[in-house]
Amino acid sequence: MRDPSETPPPSPTAAFELVGLRKKFDELVAVDDIDLAVPTGSFYGLVGPNGPGKPTALSMAVGLLRPTAGTARVQGIDVWTDP
């Protein structure tokens, strides 16, 4: 897990960005240190088997679920500090 003081500045080309996103429910780690930068004008999808935390990550990314650690940004704006 990264030190929160080491969160990099927003990417100038990313429309959507997750940096060190993490979510714990008691002892269960649902999302562990996700980094993702989606450039403006592109389209991404999250795919995978049941259970790896796709809905949890997206819920944190859009401001529905507060992350344990990390940052979610839309156009460089943090969805939790400046909703």
Protein backbone atom coordinates (compact mmCIF):
# COMPACT_ATOMS: atom_id res chain seq x y z
CA MET A 1 0.00 0.00 0.00
CA ARG A 2 1.38 3.40 -0.96
CA ASP A 3 1.89 6.33 1.38
CA PRO A 4 -0.99 8.83 0.84
CA SER A 5 1.52 11.69 0.92
CA GLU A 6 3.02 10.22 -2.26
CA THR A 7 -0.16 10.58 -4.36
CA PRO A 8 0.99 11.87 -7.74
CA PRO A 9 -0.54 14.99 -9.28
CA PRO A 10 -3.43 14.53 -11.74
CA SER A 11 -2.52 13.36 -15.23
CA PRO A 12 -3.02 16.24 -17.70
CA THR A 13 -4.47 13.88 -20.34
CA ALA A 14 -6.70 11.65 -18.19
CA ALA A 15 -10.47 12.13 -18.25
CA PHE A 16 -10.81 9.62 -15.42
CA GLU A 17 -8.11 8.43 -13.03
CA LEU A 18 -7.81 6.03 -10.09
CA VAL A 19 -4.64 6.23 -8.02
CA GLY A 20 -3.89 3.72 -5.25
CA LEU A 21 -7.59 2.95 -4.78
CA ARG A 22 -8.18 0.54 -1.91
CA LYS A 23 -11.23 -0.67 0.03
CA LYS A 24 -11.31 -2.88 3.12
CA PHE A 25 -14.40 -4.26 4.82
CA ASP A 26 -13.15 -5.34 8.26
CA GLU A 27 -10.44 -7.88 7.33
CA LEU A 28 -11.58 -8.41 3.72
CA VAL A 29 -9.67 -6.42 1.09
CA ALA A 30 -12.17 -5.91 -1.74
CA VAL A 31 -10.03 -3.59 -3.89
CA ASP A 32 -6.27 -3.43 -3.43
CA ASP A 33 -4.19 -0.52 -4.76
CA ILE A 34 -5.80 0.02 -8.19
CA ASP A 35 -4.16 2.46 -10.61
CA LEU A 36 -5.97 3.35 -13.83
CA ALA A 37 -5.83 6.35 -16.15
CA VAL A 38 -8.42 6.64 -18.93
CA PRO A 39 -7.32 9.21 -21.52
CA THR A 40 -9.81 11.72 -22.85
CA GLY A 41 -11.63 10.35 -25.89
CA SER A 42 -11.13 6.68 -25.05
CA PHE A 43 -13.43 3.96 -23.77
CA TYR A 44 -12.51 1.33 -21.15
CA GLY A 45 -14.35 -1.55 -19.50
CA LEU A 46 -13.74 -3.63 -16.38
CA VAL A 47 -14.16 -7.34 -17.01
CA GLY A 48 -13.35 -10.43 -15.00
CA PRO A 49 -14.79 -13.25 -12.91
CA ASN A 50 -17.19 -12.75 -10.02
CA GLY A 51 -15.64 -11.52 -6.81
CA PRO A 52 -12.59 -9.38 -7.69
CA GLY A 53 -14.18 -6.01 -6.77
CA LYS A 54 -15.35 -4.45 -10.05
CA PRO A 55 -18.56 -2.89 -8.63
CA THR A 56 -16.72 -1.79 -5.48
CA ALA A 57 -14.03 -0.04 -7.52
CA LEU A 58 -16.58 1.71 -9.72
CA SER A 59 -18.68 2.72 -6.70
CA MET A 60 -15.62 4.40 -5.20
CA ALA A 61 -14.70 5.97 -8.53
CA VAL A 62 -18.03 7.78 -8.86
CA GLY A 63 -18.40 8.82 -5.22
CA LEU A 64 -20.93 6.26 -3.99
CA LEU A 65 -18.55 4.44 -1.64
CA ARG A 66 -15.73 6.07 0.30
CA PRO A 67 -12.34 4.38 -0.32
CA THR A 68 -10.12 3.21 2.52
CA ALA A 69 -7.18 4.75 0.63
CA GLY A 70 -6.41 6.30 -2.72
CA THR A 71 -7.92 8.88 -5.03
CA ALA A 72 -10.53 8.93 -7.79
CA ARG A 73 -10.43 11.91 -10.17
CA VAL A 74 -12.64 13.08 -13.03
CA GLN A 75 -10.97 15.68 -15.25
CA GLY A 76 -8.33 16.05 -12.50
CA ILE A 77 -10.88 16.80 -9.74
CA ASP A 78 -10.98 14.47 -6.73
CA VAL A 79 -14.52 13.06 -6.39
CA TRP A 80 -14.27 13.04 -2.58
CA THR A 81 -12.56 16.34 -1.76
CA ASP A 82 -14.43 18.37 -4.41
CA PRO A 83 -17.66 16.56 -5.33
